Each structure stands twice: as C-alpha cells, then as structure tokens.
Amino acid sequence: MAKESMKAREVKRAKLVAKYAAKRAQLLKDGDYVGLQALPKNASPVRLHNRCKVTGRPKGYMRVFGLSRIQFREMASKGLIPGVKKASW
C-alpha cells in the first residue's frame, strides 16, 4: 500500500490540472510562454502519475483497468473483473 500522503498528493495534483486546463490551453494557443511559467508547477499534466485505484501502487499500472499488475492478477484469479479469465492449457 502506498502512503496516504502520496495518494492525497496525486489527487491534489489532478484537481490543480483540471482547474488550470482551460487557462493553460489558451496560453499555449497564444504562445504566451511567460504566462505558462507563471502557472503552478503541479498544474502541468505531465506531473500526474497513474496509481492503482486499490493500493495506490505507482508502478506496474494497467491503464485499461486502473489497477496495478499485482491487483489485476489477484482480482482476475478470483473472477472479480468482468470479461477476464485466467488462461490455462
């Protein structure tokens, strides 16, 4: 499990990105790079990092499911993910 503070930091960044998205798009369109630099660093979408919805793990993230590889495997084995089943031969 990731620390709660790390999860909260990512949520805070996501809110900041959403808040400044329109302003950032307008500044980019106008070519105002000085104005872009005046925005907060965390308002940049590049600074977002995907995390597992269950554990908060930052690595091994599967975008389609929103889970880390470990949680995906556990949930798929238990049959908790619709349309996914373990292959065996």
PDB file of N, CA and C in Angstrom:
ATOM      1  N   MET A   1       0.821  -1.185   0.000  1.00  0.00           N
ATOM      2  CA  MET A   1       0.000   0.000   0.000  1.00  0.00           C
ATOM      3  C   MET A   1       0.868   1.253   0.000  1.00  0.00           C
ATOM      4  N   ALA A   2       0.454   2.195  -0.792  1.00  0.00           N
ATOM      5  CA  ALA A   2       1.152   3.473  -0.827  1.00  0.00           C
ATOM      6  C   ALA A   2       0.751   4.298   0.398  1.00  0.00           C
ATOM      7  N   LYS A   3       1.615   5.220   0.771  1.00  0.00           N
ATOM      8  CA  LYS A   3       1.286   6.086   1.890  1.00  0.00           C
ATOM      9  C   LYS A   3       0.093   6.956   1.504  1.00  0.00           C
ATOM     10  N   GLU A   4      -0.730   7.236   2.479  1.00  0.00           N
ATOM     11  CA  GLU A   4      -1.919   8.052   2.232  1.00  0.00           C
ATOM     12  C   GLU A   4      -1.541   9.446   1.738  1.00  0.00           C
ATOM     13  N   SER A   5      -0.408   9.943   2.209  1.00  0.00           N
ATOM     14  CA  SER A   5       0.022  11.274   1.786  1.00  0.00           C
ATOM     15  C   SER A   5       0.357  11.295   0.292  1.00  0.00           C
ATOM     16  N   MET A   6       0.909  10.199  -0.221  1.00  0.00           N
ATOM     17  CA  MET A   6       1.241  10.133  -1.647  1.00  0.00           C
ATOM     18  C   MET A   6      -0.036  10.085  -2.493  1.00  0.00           C
ATOM     19  N   LYS A   7      -1.013   9.317  -2.030  1.00  0.00           N
ATOM     20  CA  LYS A   7      -2.295   9.257  -2.737  1.00  0.00           C
ATOM     21  C   LYS A   7      -2.969  10.633  -2.746  1.00  0.00           C
ATOM     22  N   ALA A   8      -2.932  11.293  -1.593  1.00  0.00           N
ATOM     23  CA  ALA A   8      -3.554  12.612  -1.472  1.00  0.00           C
ATOM     24  C   ALA A   8      -2.846  13.623  -2.363  1.00  0.00           C
ATOM     25  N   ARG A   9      -1.540  13.515  -2.475  1.00  0.00           N
ATOM     26  CA  ARG A   9      -0.768  14.438  -3.314  1.00  0.00           C
ATOM     27  C   ARG A   9      -1.164  14.295  -4.778  1.00  0.00           C
ATOM     28  N   GLU A  10      -1.375  13.056  -5.215  1.00  0.00           N
ATOM     29  CA  GLU A  10      -1.786  12.820  -6.604  1.00  0.00           C
ATOM     30  C   GLU A  10      -3.183  13.376  -6.865  1.00  0.00           C
ATOM     31  N   VAL A  11      -4.083  13.229  -5.909  1.00  0.00           N
ATOM     32  CA  VAL A  11      -5.440  13.757  -6.047  1.00  0.00           C
ATOM     33  C   VAL A  11      -5.399  15.279  -6.130  1.00  0.00           C
ATOM     34  N   LYS A  12      -4.558  15.875  -5.289  1.00  0.00           N
ATOM     35  CA  LYS A  12      -4.407  17.332  -5.286  1.00  0.00           C
ATOM     36  C   LYS A  12      -3.869  17.821  -6.628  1.00  0.00           C
ATOM     37  N   ARG A  13      -2.886  17.112  -7.171  1.00  0.00           N
ATOM     38  CA  ARG A  13      -2.332  17.480  -8.475  1.00  0.00           C
ATOM     39  C   ARG A  13      -3.392  17.383  -9.564  1.00  0.00           C
ATOM     40  N   ALA A  14      -4.190  16.314  -9.528  1.00  0.00           N
ATOM     41  CA  ALA A  14      -5.225  16.117 -10.544  1.00  0.00           C
ATOM     42  C   ALA A  14      -6.239  17.266 -10.516  1.00  0.00           C
ATOM     43  N   LYS A  15      -6.599  17.713  -9.317  1.00  0.00           N
ATOM     44  CA  LYS A  15      -7.535  18.834  -9.194  1.00  0.00           C
ATOM     45  C   LYS A  15      -6.923  20.113  -9.748  1.00  0.00           C
ATOM     46  N   LEU A  16      -5.640  20.327  -9.484  1.00  0.00           N
ATOM     47  CA  LEU A  16      -4.950  21.521  -9.956  1.00  0.00           C
ATOM     48  C   LEU A  16      -4.839  21.525 -11.480  1.00  0.00           C
ATOM     49  N   VAL A  17      -4.585  20.357 -12.053  1.00  0.00           N
ATOM     50  CA  VAL A  17      -4.502  20.236 -13.519  1.00  0.00           C
ATOM     51  C   VAL A  17      -5.851  20.579 -14.136  1.00  0.00           C
ATOM     52  N   ALA A  18      -6.924  20.045 -13.545  1.00  0.00           N
ATOM     53  CA  ALA A  18      -8.267  20.320 -14.065  1.00  0.00           C
ATOM     54  C   ALA A  18      -8.615  21.803 -13.939  1.00  0.00           C
ATOM     55  N   LYS A  19      -8.201  22.418 -12.834  1.00  0.00           N
ATOM     56  CA  LYS A  19      -8.511  23.829 -12.585  1.00  0.00           C
ATOM     57  C   LYS A  19      -7.865  24.739 -13.633  1.00  0.00           C
ATOM     58  N   TYR A  20      -6.613  24.449 -13.986  1.00  0.00           N
ATOM     59  CA  TYR A  20      -5.867  25.313 -14.896  1.00  0.00           C
ATOM     60  C   TYR A  20      -5.870  24.823 -16.349  1.00  0.00           C
ATOM     61  N   ALA A  21      -6.619  23.792 -16.681  1.00  0.00           N
ATOM     62  CA  ALA A  21      -6.591  23.226 -18.031  1.00  0.00           C
ATOM     63  C   ALA A  21      -6.997  24.247 -19.095  1.00  0.00           C
ATOM     64  N   ALA A  22      -8.084  24.961 -18.873  1.00  0.00           N
ATOM     65  CA  ALA A  22      -8.562  25.927 -19.866  1.00  0.00           C
ATOM     66  C   ALA A  22      -7.575  27.081 -20.021  1.00  0.00           C
ATOM     67  N   LYS A  23      -7.071  27.577 -18.902  1.00  0.00           N
ATOM     68  CA  LYS A  23      -6.124  28.682 -18.946  1.00  0.00           C
ATOM     69  C   LYS A  23      -4.835  28.260 -19.654  1.00  0.00           C
ATOM     70  N   ARG A  24      -4.362  27.053 -19.350  1.00  0.00           N
ATOM     71  CA  ARG A  24      -3.152  26.523 -19.975  1.00  0.00           C
ATOM     72  C   ARG A  24      -3.342  26.390 -21.487  1.00  0.00           C
ATOM     73  N   ALA A  25      -4.497  25.884 -21.908  1.00  0.00           N
ATOM     74  CA  ALA A  25      -4.765  25.721 -23.342  1.00  0.00           C
ATOM     75  C   ALA A  25      -4.766  27.076 -24.046  1.00  0.00           C
ATOM     76  N   GLN A  26      -5.365  28.063 -23.414  1.00  0.00           N
ATOM     77  CA  GLN A  26      -5.407  29.404 -24.012  1.00  0.00           C
ATOM     78  C   GLN A  26      -4.007  30.006 -24.124  1.00  0.00           C
ATOM     79  N   LEU A  27      -3.209  29.864 -23.080  1.00  0.00           N
ATOM     80  CA  LEU A  27      -1.845  30.397 -23.102  1.00  0.00           C
ATOM     81  C   LEU A  27      -0.998  29.703 -24.164  1.00  0.00           C
ATOM     82  N   LEU A  28      -1.183  28.401 -24.310  1.00  0.00           N
ATOM     83  CA  LEU A  28      -0.446  27.658 -25.340  1.00  0.00           C
ATOM     84  C   LEU A  28      -0.850  28.119 -26.732  1.00  0.00           C
ATOM     85  N   LYS A  29      -2.155  28.337 -26.903  1.00  0.00           N
ATOM     86  CA  LYS A  29      -2.667  28.781 -28.208  1.00  0.00           C
ATOM     87  C   LYS A  29      -2.107  30.160 -28.576  1.00  0.00           C
ATOM     88  N   ASP A  30      -2.006  31.036 -27.581  1.00  0.00           N
ATOM     89  CA  ASP A  30      -1.489  32.383 -27.808  1.00  0.00           C
ATOM     90  C   ASP A  30       0.036  32.425 -27.885  1.00  0.00           C
ATOM     91  N   GLY A  31       0.681  31.351 -27.448  1.00  0.00           N
ATOM     92  CA  GLY A  31       2.145  31.321 -27.442  1.00  0.00           C
ATOM     93  C   GLY A  31       2.756  32.127 -26.311  1.00  0.00           C
ATOM     94  N   ASP A  32       2.007  32.338 -25.250  1.00  0.00           N
ATOM     95  CA  ASP A  32       2.474  33.125 -24.110  1.00  0.00           C
ATOM     96  C   ASP A  32       3.210  32.213 -23.125  1.00  0.00           C
ATOM     97  N   TYR A  33       4.512  32.030 -23.349  1.00  0.00           N
ATOM     98  CA  TYR A  33       5.288  31.112 -22.523  1.00  0.00           C
ATOM     99  C   TYR A  33       5.649  31.711 -21.166  1.00  0.00           C
ATOM    100  N   VAL A  34       5.688  33.016 -21.093  1.00  0.00           N
ATOM    101  CA  VAL A  34       5.928  33.678 -19.805  1.00  0.00           C
ATOM    102  C   VAL A  34       4.719  33.440 -18.896  1.00  0.00           C
ATOM    103  N   GLY A  35       3.525  33.531 -19.465  1.00  0.00           N
ATOM    104  CA  GLY A  35       2.305  33.266 -18.711  1.00  0.00           C
ATOM    105  C   GLY A  35       2.227  31.813 -18.255  1.00  0.00           C
ATOM    106  N   LEU A  36       2.708  30.904 -19.106  1.00  0.00           N
ATOM    107  CA  LEU A  36       2.723  29.488 -18.737  1.00  0.00           C
ATOM    108  C   LEU A  36       3.649  29.243 -17.554  1.00  0.00           C
ATOM    109  N   GLN A  37       4.778  29.916 -17.547  1.00  0.00           N
ATOM    110  CA  GLN A  37       5.723  29.738 -16.445  1.00  0.00           C
ATOM    111  C   GLN A  37       5.181  30.293 -15.139  1.00  0.00           C
ATOM    112  N   ALA A  38       4.239  31.212 -15.222  1.00  0.00           N
ATOM    113  CA  ALA A  38       3.661  31.791 -14.017  1.00  0.00           C
ATOM    114  C   ALA A  38       2.667  30.839 -13.344  1.00  0.00           C
ATOM    115  N   LEU A  39       2.173  29.838 -14.088  1.00  0.00           N
ATOM    116  CA  LEU A  39       1.250  28.857 -13.511  1.00  0.00           C
ATOM    117  C   LEU A  39       2.001  27.968 -12.516  1.00  0.00           C
ATOM    118  N   PRO A  40       1.275  27.378 -11.561  1.00  0.00           N
ATOM    119  CA  PRO A  40       1.937  26.471 -10.613  1.00  0.00           C
ATOM    120  C   PRO A  40       2.535  25.257 -11.334  1.00  0.00           C
ATOM    121  N   LYS A  41       3.633  24.742 -10.812  1.00  0.00           N
ATOM    122  CA  LYS A  41       4.290  23.581 -11.422  1.00  0.00           C
ATOM    123  C   LYS A  41       3.348  22.381 -11.496  1.00  0.00           C
ATOM    124  N   ASN A  42       2.608  22.167 -10.424  1.00  0.00           N
ATOM    125  CA  ASN A  42       1.731  20.999 -10.373  1.00  0.00           C
ATOM    126  C   ASN A  42       0.493  21.141 -11.245  1.00  0.00           C
ATOM    127  N   ALA A  43       0.334  22.266 -11.920  1.00  0.00           N
ATOM    128  CA  ALA A  43      -0.788  22.442 -12.838  1.00  0.00           C
ATOM    129  C   ALA A  43      -0.489  21.820 -14.196  1.00  0.00           C
ATOM    130  N   SER A  44       0.729  21.355 -14.379  1.00  0.00           N
ATOM    131  CA  SER A  44       1.111  20.720 -15.641  1.00  0.00           C
ATOM    132  C   SER A  44       0.667  19.256 -15.651  1.00  0.00           C
ATOM    133  N   PRO A  45      -0.016  18.818 -16.712  1.00  0.00           N
ATOM    134  CA  PRO A  45      -0.485  17.433 -16.756  1.00  0.00           C
ATOM    135  C   PRO A  45       0.648  16.411 -16.817  1.00  0.00           C
ATOM    136  N   VAL A  46       1.837  16.841 -17.173  1.00  0.00           N
ATOM    137  CA  VAL A  46       2.983  15.933 -17.243  1.00  0.00           C
ATOM    138  C   VAL A  46       3.359  15.423 -15.850  1.00  0.00           C
ATOM    139  N   ARG A  47       3.050  16.202 -14.839  1.00  0.00           N
ATOM    140  CA  ARG A  47       3.439  15.830 -13.477  1.00  0.00           C
ATOM    141  C   ARG A  47       2.503  14.808 -12.834  1.00  0.00           C
ATOM    142  N   LEU A  48       1.397  14.479 -13.496  1.00  0.00           N
ATOM    143  CA  LEU A  48       0.489  13.453 -12.971  1.00  0.00           C
ATOM    144  C   LEU A  48       1.119  12.079 -13.140  1.00  0.00           C
ATOM    145  N   HIS A  49       0.825  11.191 -12.205  1.00  0.00           N
ATOM    146  CA  HIS A  49       1.336   9.835 -12.285  1.00  0.00           C
ATOM    147  C   HIS A  49       0.181   8.883 -11.988  1.00  0.00           C
ATOM    148  N   ASN A  50      -0.014   7.894 -12.853  1.00  0.00           N
ATOM    149  CA  ASN A  50      -1.100   6.946 -12.645  1.00  0.00           C
ATOM    150  C   ASN A  50      -0.812   6.066 -11.431  1.00  0.00           C
ATOM    151  N   ARG A  51      -1.837   5.808 -10.652  1.00  0.00           N
ATOM    152  CA  ARG A  51      -1.705   4.940  -9.484  1.00  0.00           C
ATOM    153  C   ARG A  51      -2.857   3.940  -9.443  1.00  0.00           C
ATOM    154  N   CYS A  52      -2.585   2.788  -8.868  1.00  0.00           N
ATOM    155  CA  CYS A  52      -3.595   1.740  -8.703  1.00  0.00           C
ATOM    156  C   CYS A  52      -4.737   2.277  -7.847  1.00  0.00           C
ATOM    157  N   LYS A  53      -5.970   2.019  -8.267  1.00  0.00           N
ATOM    158  CA  LYS A  53      -7.140   2.511  -7.533  1.00  0.00           C
ATOM    159  C   LYS A  53      -7.294   1.816  -6.175  1.00  0.00           C
ATOM    160  N   VAL A  54      -6.794   0.580  -6.055  1.00  0.00           N
ATOM    161  CA  VAL A  54      -6.964  -0.192  -4.827  1.00  0.00           C
ATOM    162  C   VAL A  54      -5.836   0.080  -3.838  1.00  0.00           C
ATOM    163  N   THR A  55      -4.596  -0.049  -4.298  1.00  0.00           N
ATOM    164  CA  THR A  55      -3.452   0.030  -3.390  1.00  0.00           C
ATOM    165  C   THR A  55      -2.679   1.337  -3.477  1.00  0.00           C
ATOM    166  N   GLY A  56      -2.801   2.059  -4.585  1.00  0.00           N
ATOM    167  CA  GLY A  56      -2.036   3.280  -4.758  1.00  0.00           C
ATOM    168  C   GLY A  56      -0.650   3.042  -5.321  1.00  0.00           C
ATOM    169  N   ARG A  57      -0.365   1.812  -5.722  1.00  0.00           N
ATOM    170  CA  ARG A  57       0.955   1.469  -6.261  1.00  0.00           C
ATOM    171  C   ARG A  57       1.197   2.241  -7.558  1.00  0.00           C
ATOM    172  N   PRO A  58       2.370   2.923  -7.683  1.00  0.00           N
ATOM    173  CA  PRO A  58       2.628   3.735  -8.868  1.00  0.00           C
ATOM    174  C   PRO A  58       3.206   2.965 -10.049  1.00  0.00           C
ATOM    175  N   LYS A  59       3.786   1.814  -9.795  1.00  0.00           N
ATOM    176  CA  LYS A  59       4.441   1.070 -10.884  1.00  0.00           C
ATOM    177  C   LYS A  59       3.616  -0.140 -11.277  1.00  0.00           C
ATOM    178  N   GLY A  60       3.792  -0.602 -12.493  1.00  0.00           N
ATOM    179  CA  GLY A  60       3.054  -1.762 -12.981  1.00  0.00           C
ATOM    180  C   GLY A  60       1.581  -1.457 -13.156  1.00  0.00           C
ATOM    181  N   TYR A  61       1.263  -0.245 -13.588  1.00  0.00           N
ATOM    182  CA  TYR A  61      -0.125   0.211 -13.711  1.00  0.00           C
ATOM    183  C   TYR A  61      -0.695  -0.211 -15.060  1.00  0.00           C
ATOM    184  N   MET A  62      -1.885  -0.792 -15.050  1.00  0.00           N
ATOM    185  CA  MET A  62      -2.578  -1.182 -16.282  1.00  0.00           C
ATOM    186  C   MET A  62      -3.693  -0.170 -16.515  1.00  0.00           C
ATOM    187  N   ARG A  63      -3.513   0.645 -17.548  1.00  0.00           N
ATOM    188  CA  ARG A  63      -4.400   1.767 -17.819  1.00  0.00           C
ATOM    189  C   ARG A  63      -5.850   1.340 -18.063  1.00  0.00           C
ATOM    190  N   VAL A  64      -6.034   0.248 -18.775  1.00  0.00           N
ATOM    191  CA  VAL A  64      -7.386  -0.200 -19.145  1.00  0.00           C
ATOM    192  C   VAL A  64      -8.230  -0.506 -17.904  1.00  0.00           C
ATOM    193  N   PHE A  65      -7.583  -1.053 -16.876  1.00  0.00           N
ATOM    194  CA  PHE A  65      -8.315  -1.473 -15.684  1.00  0.00           C
ATOM    195  C   PHE A  65      -8.137  -0.532 -14.495  1.00  0.00           C
ATOM    196  N   GLY A  66      -7.124   0.324 -14.536  1.00  0.00           N
ATOM    197  CA  GLY A  66      -6.873   1.233 -13.428  1.00  0.00           C
ATOM    198  C   GLY A  66      -6.283   0.542 -12.219  1.00  0.00           C
ATOM    199  N   LEU A  67      -5.631  -0.605 -12.447  1.00  0.00           N
ATOM    200  CA  LEU A  67      -5.066  -1.399 -11.360  1.00  0.00           C
ATOM    201  C   LEU A  67      -3.597  -1.689 -11.616  1.00  0.00           C
ATOM    202  N   SER A  68      -2.878  -2.020 -10.540  1.00  0.00           N
ATOM    203  CA  SER A  68      -1.507  -2.466 -10.710  1.00  0.00           C
ATOM    204  C   SER A  68      -1.552  -3.927 -11.176  1.00  0.00           C
ATOM    205  N   ARG A  69      -0.428  -4.401 -11.693  1.00  0.00           N
ATOM    206  CA  ARG A  69      -0.373  -5.773 -12.218  1.00  0.00           C
ATOM    207  C   ARG A  69      -0.677  -6.799 -11.139  1.00  0.00           C
ATOM    208  N   ILE A  70      -0.273  -6.509  -9.907  1.00  0.00           N
ATOM    209  CA  ILE A  70      -0.478  -7.455  -8.807  1.00  0.00           C
ATOM    210  C   ILE A  70      -1.966  -7.560  -8.466  1.00  0.00           C
ATOM    211  N   GLN A  71      -2.633  -6.419  -8.311  1.00  0.00           N
ATOM    212  CA  GLN A  71      -4.067  -6.417  -8.013  1.00  0.00           C
ATOM    213  C   GLN A  71      -4.868  -6.996  -9.164  1.00  0.00           C
ATOM    214  N   PHE A  72      -4.432  -6.696 -10.395  1.00  0.00           N
ATOM    215  CA  PHE A  72      -5.120  -7.235 -11.560  1.00  0.00           C
ATOM    216  C   PHE A  72      -5.099  -8.758 -11.526  1.00  0.00           C
ATOM    217  N   ARG A  73      -3.939  -9.326 -11.246  1.00  0.00           N
ATOM    218  CA  ARG A  73      -3.802 -10.787 -11.228  1.00  0.00           C
ATOM    219  C   ARG A  73      -4.658 -11.406 -10.133  1.00  0.00           C
ATOM    220  N   GLU A  74      -4.625 -10.816  -8.943  1.00  0.00           N
ATOM    221  CA  GLU A  74      -5.426 -11.338  -7.826  1.00  0.00           C
ATOM    222  C   GLU A  74      -6.919 -11.275  -8.137  1.00  0.00           C
ATOM    223  N   MET A  75      -7.372 -10.119  -8.646  1.00  0.00           N
ATOM    224  CA  MET A  75      -8.795  -9.943  -8.926  1.00  0.00           C
ATOM    225  C   MET A  75      -9.246 -10.809 -10.099  1.00  0.00           C
ATOM    226  N   ALA A  76      -8.391 -10.977 -11.094  1.00  0.00           N
ATOM    227  CA  ALA A  76      -8.742 -11.816 -12.238  1.00  0.00           C
ATOM    228  C   ALA A  76      -8.846 -13.280 -11.809  1.00  0.00           C
ATOM    229  N   SER A  77      -7.961 -13.713 -10.934  1.00  0.00           N
ATOM    230  CA  SER A  77      -7.999 -15.097 -10.451  1.00  0.00           C
ATOM    231  C   SER A  77      -9.266 -15.376  -9.647  1.00  0.00           C
ATOM    232  N   LYS A  78      -9.741 -14.379  -8.919  1.00  0.00           N
ATOM    233  CA  LYS A  78     -10.955 -14.523  -8.123  1.00  0.00           C
ATOM    234  C   LYS A  78     -12.217 -14.308  -8.952  1.00  0.00           C
ATOM    235  N   GLY A  79     -12.050 -13.874 -10.214  1.00  0.00           N
ATOM    236  CA  GLY A  79     -13.195 -13.634 -11.080  1.00  0.00           C
ATOM    237  C   GLY A  79     -13.899 -12.326 -10.807  1.00  0.00           C
ATOM    238  N   LEU A  80     -13.193 -11.342 -10.273  1.00  0.00           N
ATOM    239  CA  LEU A  80     -13.810 -10.060  -9.918  1.00  0.00           C
ATOM    240  C   LEU A  80     -13.800  -9.051 -11.059  1.00  0.00           C
ATOM    241  N   ILE A  81     -13.063  -9.346 -12.126  1.00  0.00           N
ATOM    242  CA  ILE A  81     -13.004  -8.441 -13.268  1.00  0.00           C
ATOM    243  C   ILE A  81     -13.813  -9.057 -14.407  1.00  0.00           C
ATOM    244  N   PRO A  82     -14.909  -8.423 -14.818  1.00  0.00           N
ATOM    245  CA  PRO A  82     -15.751  -8.988 -15.867  1.00  0.00           C
ATOM    246  C   PRO A  82     -14.993  -9.109 -17.202  1.00  0.00           C
ATOM    247  N   GLY A  83     -15.176 -10.248 -17.848  1.00  0.00           N
ATOM    248  CA  GLY A  83     -14.575 -10.460 -19.165  1.00  0.00           C
ATOM    249  C   GLY A  83     -13.151 -10.939 -19.134  1.00  0.00           C
ATOM    250  N   VAL A  84     -12.584 -11.135 -17.955  1.00  0.00           N
ATOM    251  CA  VAL A  84     -11.199 -11.571 -17.857  1.00  0.00           C
ATOM    252  C   VAL A  84     -11.184 -12.915 -17.129  1.00  0.00           C
ATOM    253  N   LYS A  85     -10.483 -13.875 -17.735  1.00  0.00           N
ATOM    254  CA  LYS A  85     -10.303 -15.141 -17.038  1.00  0.00           C
ATOM    255  C   LYS A  85      -8.880 -15.628 -17.265  1.00  0.00           C
ATOM    256  N   LYS A  86      -8.414 -16.427 -16.343  1.00  0.00           N
ATOM    257  CA  LYS A  86      -7.043 -16.901 -16.388  1.00  0.00           C
ATOM    258  C   LYS A  86      -6.910 -17.932 -17.512  1.00  0.00           C
ATOM    259  N   ALA A  87      -5.907 -17.736 -18.331  1.00  0.00           N
ATOM    260  CA  ALA A  87      -5.656 -18.687 -19.409  1.00  0.00           C
ATOM    261  C   ALA A  87      -4.915 -19.889 -18.840  1.00  0.00           C
ATOM    262  N   SER A  88      -5.315 -21.073 -19.229  1.00  0.00           N
ATOM    263  CA  SER A  88      -4.605 -22.287 -18.799  1.00  0.00           C
ATOM    264  C   SER A  88      -4.669 -23.306 -19.917  1.00  0.00           C
ATOM    265  N   TRP A  89      -3.615 -24.052 -20.080  1.00  0.00           N
ATOM    266  CA  TRP A  89      -3.576 -25.072 -21.130  1.00  0.00           C
ATOM    267  C   TRP A  89      -2.782 -26.256 -20.677  1.00  0.00           C
TER     268      TRP A  89
END
